[in-house]
Amino acid sequence: MTGTLDIHTSWTDGRARVTVRHAGEERWFTVAGSPAPCPSGYQSRLLHDRVVGAVRAGGGAGVPGRPPQPRARDDAPGPQSSAA
């Protein structure tokens, strides 16, 4: 996918699901490698940031194979969305 994209990450039951769509469109697509093991809501936010960075870098992106390591303790789940 190219152009302006929306990226959404949700976390539940130890897995992060990452989806992407063209900005303003209704249909979401699952990112390659998703859902991925991710033990906390905080780590899902770190994962989201890594996916957004990979998309912005171009050349194709997927969910990294290993969950990011936390820098601080915060297990609150919650979805994150970003435009890339």
C-alpha atoms as a PDB file:
ATOM      1  CA  MET A   1       0.000   0.000   0.000  1.00  0.00           C
ATOM      2  CA  THR A   2       1.167   3.497  -0.716  1.00  0.00           C
ATOM      3  CA  GLY A   3      -0.106   6.981  -0.016  1.00  0.00           C
ATOM      4  CA  THR A   4      -1.431   8.319   3.250  1.00  0.00           C
ATOM      5  CA  LEU A   5      -2.225   5.396   5.540  1.00  0.00           C
ATOM      6  CA  ASP A   6      -3.916   4.895   8.894  1.00  0.00           C
ATOM      7  CA  ILE A   7      -2.358   2.267  11.170  1.00  0.00           C
ATOM      8  CA  HIS A   8      -4.275   0.777  14.081  1.00  0.00           C
ATOM      9  CA  THR A   9      -2.937  -1.535  16.790  1.00  0.00           C
ATOM     10  CA  SER A  10      -5.121  -3.308  19.329  1.00  0.00           C
ATOM     11  CA  TRP A  11      -4.025  -5.605  22.143  1.00  0.00           C
ATOM     12  CA  THR A  12      -5.945  -8.429  23.764  1.00  0.00           C
ATOM     13  CA  ASP A  13      -5.141 -11.803  25.298  1.00  0.00           C
ATOM     14  CA  GLY A  14      -1.383 -11.395  24.866  1.00  0.00           C
ATOM     15  CA  ARG A  15      -1.512 -10.609  21.139  1.00  0.00           C
ATOM     16  CA  ALA A  16      -1.215  -7.370  19.177  1.00  0.00           C
ATOM     17  CA  ARG A  17      -3.276  -7.031  16.010  1.00  0.00           C
ATOM     18  CA  VAL A  18      -2.029  -4.422  13.530  1.00  0.00           C
ATOM     19  CA  THR A  19      -4.202  -3.219  10.664  1.00  0.00           C
ATOM     20  CA  VAL A  20      -3.764  -0.589   7.964  1.00  0.00           C
ATOM     21  CA  ARG A  21      -6.002   1.292   5.549  1.00  0.00           C
ATOM     22  CA  HIS A  22      -5.803   4.136   3.098  1.00  0.00           C
ATOM     23  CA  ALA A  23      -6.657   7.337   4.985  1.00  0.00           C
ATOM     24  CA  GLY A  24     -10.388   7.949   4.981  1.00  0.00           C
ATOM     25  CA  GLU A  25     -11.327   4.532   3.593  1.00  0.00           C
ATOM     26  CA  GLU A  26     -13.530   2.071   5.462  1.00  0.00           C
ATOM     27  CA  ARG A  27     -11.753  -1.233   4.757  1.00  0.00           C
ATOM     28  CA  TRP A  28      -8.887  -2.281   7.032  1.00  0.00           C
ATOM     29  CA  PHE A  29      -6.202  -4.818   6.045  1.00  0.00           C
ATOM     30  CA  THR A  30      -4.197  -6.993   8.440  1.00  0.00           C
ATOM     31  CA  VAL A  31      -0.460  -6.235   8.375  1.00  0.00           C
ATOM     32  CA  ALA A  32       1.846  -9.172   7.555  1.00  0.00           C
ATOM     33  CA  GLY A  33       2.877 -10.961  10.760  1.00  0.00           C
ATOM     34  CA  SER A  34      -0.218  -9.878  12.681  1.00  0.00           C
ATOM     35  CA  PRO A  35      -1.482 -10.842  15.173  1.00  0.00           C
ATOM     36  CA  ALA A  36       1.824 -11.110  16.982  1.00  0.00           C
ATOM     37  CA  PRO A  37       2.626 -12.281  20.519  1.00  0.00           C
ATOM     38  CA  CYS A  38       2.813  -9.240  22.780  1.00  0.00           C
ATOM     39  CA  PRO A  39       2.563  -9.711  26.549  1.00  0.00           C
ATOM     40  CA  SER A  40       1.308  -6.251  27.593  1.00  0.00           C
ATOM     41  CA  GLY A  41      -0.584  -3.188  26.471  1.00  0.00           C
ATOM     42  CA  TYR A  42       2.545  -1.111  26.951  1.00  0.00           C
ATOM     43  CA  GLN A  43       4.536  -3.383  24.654  1.00  0.00           C
ATOM     44  CA  SER A  44       1.755  -3.163  22.071  1.00  0.00           C
ATOM     45  CA  ARG A  45       2.243   0.614  22.033  1.00  0.00           C
ATOM     46  CA  LEU A  46       5.974   0.136  21.455  1.00  0.00           C
ATOM     47  CA  LEU A  47       5.180  -2.334  18.679  1.00  0.00           C
ATOM     48  CA  HIS A  48       2.763   0.170  17.124  1.00  0.00           C
ATOM     49  CA  ASP A  49       5.492   2.826  17.092  1.00  0.00           C
ATOM     50  CA  ARG A  50       7.910   0.392  15.402  1.00  0.00           C
ATOM     51  CA  VAL A  51       5.368  -0.485  12.715  1.00  0.00           C
ATOM     52  CA  VAL A  52       4.609   3.202  12.064  1.00  0.00           C
ATOM     53  CA  GLY A  53       8.351   3.865  11.736  1.00  0.00           C
ATOM     54  CA  ALA A  54       8.758   0.981   9.298  1.00  0.00           C
ATOM     55  CA  VAL A  55       5.844   2.203   7.167  1.00  0.00           C
ATOM     56  CA  ARG A  56       7.222   5.744   7.109  1.00  0.00           C
ATOM     57  CA  ALA A  57      10.627   4.387   6.043  1.00  0.00           C
ATOM     58  CA  GLY A  58       8.963   2.792   2.986  1.00  0.00           C
ATOM     59  CA  GLY A  59       9.904  -0.335   1.100  1.00  0.00           C
ATOM     60  CA  GLY A  60       7.250  -2.529   2.718  1.00  0.00           C
ATOM     61  CA  ALA A  61       6.605  -3.225   6.350  1.00  0.00           C
ATOM     62  CA  GLY A  62       5.316  -5.989   8.575  1.00  0.00           C
ATOM     63  CA  VAL A  63       4.997  -6.706  12.253  1.00  0.00           C
ATOM     64  CA  PRO A  64       8.431  -7.364  13.771  1.00  0.00           C
ATOM     65  CA  GLY A  65       8.925 -10.950  14.939  1.00  0.00           C
ATOM     66  CA  ARG A  66       9.818 -10.240  18.563  1.00  0.00           C
ATOM     67  CA  PRO A  67       7.834  -8.042  20.919  1.00  0.00           C
ATOM     68  CA  PRO A  68       9.685  -4.916  22.047  1.00  0.00           C
ATOM     69  CA  GLN A  69      11.168  -4.888  25.514  1.00  0.00           C
ATOM     70  CA  PRO A  70       9.478  -2.499  27.936  1.00  0.00           C
ATOM     71  CA  ARG A  71      11.329   0.450  29.410  1.00  0.00           C
ATOM     72  CA  ALA A  72       8.744   0.991  32.158  1.00  0.00           C
ATOM     73  CA  ARG A  73       5.913  -1.017  33.679  1.00  0.00           C
ATOM     74  CA  ASP A  74       2.450  -0.188  32.343  1.00  0.00           C
ATOM     75  CA  ASP A  75       0.145  -3.053  31.422  1.00  0.00           C
ATOM     76  CA  ALA A  76      -2.891  -0.977  30.517  1.00  0.00           C
ATOM     77  CA  PRO A  77      -4.341  -2.299  27.262  1.00  0.00           C
ATOM     78  CA  GLY A  78      -5.685   0.001  24.631  1.00  0.00           C
ATOM     79  CA  PRO A  79      -5.782   0.591  20.914  1.00  0.00           C
ATOM     80  CA  GLN A  80      -3.457   3.004  19.219  1.00  0.00           C
ATOM     81  CA  SER A  81      -3.960   4.640  15.840  1.00  0.00           C
ATOM     82  CA  SER A  82      -1.588   6.764  13.796  1.00  0.00           C
ATOM     83  CA  ALA A  83      -1.472   8.279  10.366  1.00  0.00           C
ATOM     84  CA  ALA A  84       1.666   7.459   8.414  1.00  0.00           C
END
